[in-house]
């Protein structure tokens, strides 16, 4: 399940920029599959950053930080598809900050937001058996 839809980007990116980024053949219409590719790439970034700590992909309802990151990463990718370099990409700074935040959460260096799924704590198992060595005193 993708973490966002095209409607999630409407309003975040001017319609002309969005169409330009999704219309590779310049026919004035979004090309089939292009948005799906962008959405998948955004989701892969999120999953890659959080997979060490959480089961991914996340199921609905999505944690708010995952939704925000998906929209932000997709917007950044849309501008990259338009040829806008990172230093001029209006979404790059926010995307980089979210990457750092997700990396810290995924590495368990930062607490997860309360709407993240709980992680099952793995129990420890100890297998013990009596020692097979015993001191023997030699009777003289």
Protein backbone atom coordinates (compact mmCIF):
# COMPACT_ATOMS: atom_id res chain seq x y z
CA UNK A 1 0.00 0.00 0.00
CA UNK A 2 1.50 3.36 -0.94
CA UNK A 3 1.74 5.92 1.82
CA UNK A 4 0.17 8.71 -0.23
CA UNK A 5 -2.03 9.52 -3.18
CA UNK A 6 -1.75 12.19 -5.82
CA UNK A 7 -4.43 14.15 -3.98
CA UNK A 8 -2.05 14.40 -1.00
CA UNK A 9 0.27 16.52 -3.17
CA UNK A 10 -2.38 18.85 -4.55
CA UNK A 11 -2.00 22.20 -2.84
CA UNK A 12 1.53 21.39 -1.69
CA UNK A 13 2.89 21.80 -5.22
CA UNK A 14 1.50 24.19 -7.84
CA UNK A 15 -0.62 22.25 -10.32
CA UNK A 16 1.56 23.32 -13.27
CA UNK A 17 4.73 22.04 -11.56
CA UNK A 18 3.05 18.78 -10.63
CA UNK A 19 1.84 18.19 -14.19
CA UNK A 20 5.24 19.11 -15.63
CA UNK A 21 6.96 16.58 -13.37
CA UNK A 22 4.50 13.78 -14.16
CA UNK A 23 4.23 14.39 -17.93
CA UNK A 24 7.36 12.91 -19.47
CA UNK A 25 5.99 12.85 -23.02
CA UNK A 26 4.81 16.50 -22.90
CA UNK A 27 1.27 15.75 -24.05
CA UNK A 28 -0.33 17.84 -21.31
CA UNK A 29 -1.47 14.84 -19.27
CA UNK A 30 0.07 12.87 -16.44
CA UNK A 31 1.80 9.75 -17.75
CA UNK A 32 0.56 6.44 -16.37
CA UNK A 33 2.72 5.01 -13.62
CA UNK A 34 4.91 8.07 -13.00
CA UNK A 35 3.18 9.11 -9.80
CA UNK A 36 3.15 5.48 -8.62
CA UNK A 37 6.93 5.44 -9.08
CA UNK A 38 7.36 8.65 -7.07
CA UNK A 39 5.07 7.35 -4.30
CA UNK A 40 6.95 4.04 -4.19
CA UNK A 41 10.32 5.82 -3.96
CA UNK A 42 9.06 8.00 -1.10
CA UNK A 43 7.76 4.92 0.72
CA UNK A 44 11.00 3.03 0.20
CA UNK A 45 12.93 5.85 1.86
CA UNK A 46 10.64 5.71 4.89
CA UNK A 47 10.72 1.93 5.12
CA UNK A 48 14.49 1.88 4.78
CA UNK A 49 14.94 4.31 7.64
CA UNK A 50 12.49 2.60 9.99
CA UNK A 51 12.77 -1.09 9.11
CA UNK A 52 15.39 -1.87 11.76
CA UNK A 53 12.87 -1.09 14.49
CA UNK A 54 9.41 -1.48 12.95
CA UNK A 55 7.62 -3.89 10.68
CA UNK A 56 7.24 -2.18 7.33
CA UNK A 57 5.31 -1.23 5.33
CA UNK A 58 3.05 0.45 7.85
CA UNK A 59 -0.65 -0.36 7.72
CA UNK A 60 -3.48 2.16 7.75
CA UNK A 61 -4.05 4.31 9.65
CA UNK A 62 -0.57 5.63 9.04
CA UNK A 63 1.36 7.36 11.80
CA UNK A 64 1.24 11.10 11.19
CA UNK A 65 5.04 11.34 10.85
CA UNK A 66 4.98 8.65 8.14
CA UNK A 67 2.28 10.56 6.24
CA UNK A 68 4.22 13.81 6.57
CA UNK A 69 7.46 12.17 5.44
CA UNK A 70 5.77 10.49 2.46
CA UNK A 71 4.29 13.78 1.28
CA UNK A 72 7.55 15.67 1.86
CA UNK A 73 9.76 13.08 0.14
CA UNK A 74 7.33 12.89 -2.80
CA UNK A 75 7.32 16.68 -3.17
CA UNK A 76 11.12 16.70 -3.09
CA UNK A 77 11.17 13.97 -5.76
CA UNK A 78 8.67 15.88 -7.92
CA UNK A 79 10.99 18.90 -7.96
CA UNK A 80 13.97 16.64 -8.70
CA UNK A 81 12.03 15.25 -11.67
CA UNK A 82 11.61 18.85 -12.85
CA UNK A 83 15.40 19.27 -12.74
CA UNK A 84 15.53 21.41 -9.61
CA UNK A 85 18.82 20.80 -7.79
CA UNK A 86 18.91 20.15 -4.04
CA UNK A 87 20.10 23.65 -3.10
CA UNK A 88 17.12 25.18 -4.94
CA UNK A 89 14.58 22.45 -4.14
CA UNK A 90 12.00 24.00 -1.78
CA UNK A 91 11.44 20.60 -0.12
CA UNK A 92 15.06 19.49 0.35
CA UNK A 93 15.69 21.00 3.79
CA UNK A 94 12.45 19.65 5.25
CA UNK A 95 13.07 16.23 3.65
CA UNK A 96 16.61 16.07 5.05
CA UNK A 97 15.36 17.01 8.54
CA UNK A 98 12.73 14.27 8.35
CA UNK A 99 15.33 11.75 7.20
CA UNK A 100 17.44 12.55 10.27
CA UNK A 101 14.41 12.24 12.53
CA UNK A 102 13.30 8.93 11.01
CA UNK A 103 16.86 7.59 11.15
CA UNK A 104 17.06 8.41 14.87
CA UNK A 105 13.71 6.74 15.51
CA UNK A 106 14.61 3.72 13.39
CA UNK A 107 17.94 3.33 15.20
CA UNK A 108 16.19 3.62 18.57
CA UNK A 109 18.18 6.75 19.38
CA UNK A 110 14.97 8.74 19.65
CA UNK A 111 11.56 7.72 20.98
CA UNK A 112 8.87 6.89 18.46
CA UNK A 113 5.82 9.14 18.32
CA UNK A 114 2.84 7.82 20.26
CA UNK A 115 0.88 6.95 17.12
CA UNK A 116 3.56 4.53 15.87
CA UNK A 117 2.76 0.85 16.27
CA UNK A 118 4.15 -0.71 19.38
CA UNK A 119 7.12 -2.94 18.91
CA UNK A 120 6.83 -6.34 20.48
CA UNK A 121 9.56 -6.79 23.03
CA UNK A 122 11.40 -9.99 22.45
CA UNK A 123 11.79 -12.08 25.57
CA UNK A 124 15.01 -13.71 26.56
CA UNK A 125 15.30 -17.44 26.86
CA UNK A 126 17.80 -19.14 29.08
CA UNK A 127 18.52 -22.79 28.69
CA UNK A 128 20.18 -24.14 31.77
CA UNK A 129 21.26 -27.59 32.70
CA UNK A 130 23.44 -28.93 35.43
CA UNK A 131 27.12 -28.87 34.78
CA UNK A 132 28.56 -32.13 33.60
CA UNK A 133 31.83 -31.54 35.28
CA UNK A 134 32.28 -32.18 38.92
CA UNK A 135 35.34 -32.10 41.05
CA UNK A 136 36.42 -35.46 42.22
CA UNK A 137 38.59 -35.82 45.18
CA UNK A 138 40.93 -38.71 45.10
CA UNK A 139 40.72 -40.76 48.17
CA UNK A 140 44.14 -41.82 49.33
